[in-house]
Amino acid sequence: MKTIYDVQQLLKKFGIIIYVGDRIADLELMEEEVRQLYQSNLIEPNDYQMAILLLRSEVQRLKG
């Protein structure tokens, strides 16, 4: 997993598509969904860590 697109594809596997029109809000919602998938043991720890890292760094880049 190397891009935000990869995170979107991961979420899509679980039927989760997020688009509210605000990029930062989209990324924050994606982070919450990834966290819930991990807490439910539906994704691997490595995928969780990489997805969170990608999402948070993108939010920082946009805010920055």
Foldseek 3Di string as FASTA:
>chain_A
DAALVVLQVVVVVVVDHDDDPDVLVSLVVSLVVLVVCVVVVNDDPVVNVVSNVRSVVVNVVVVD
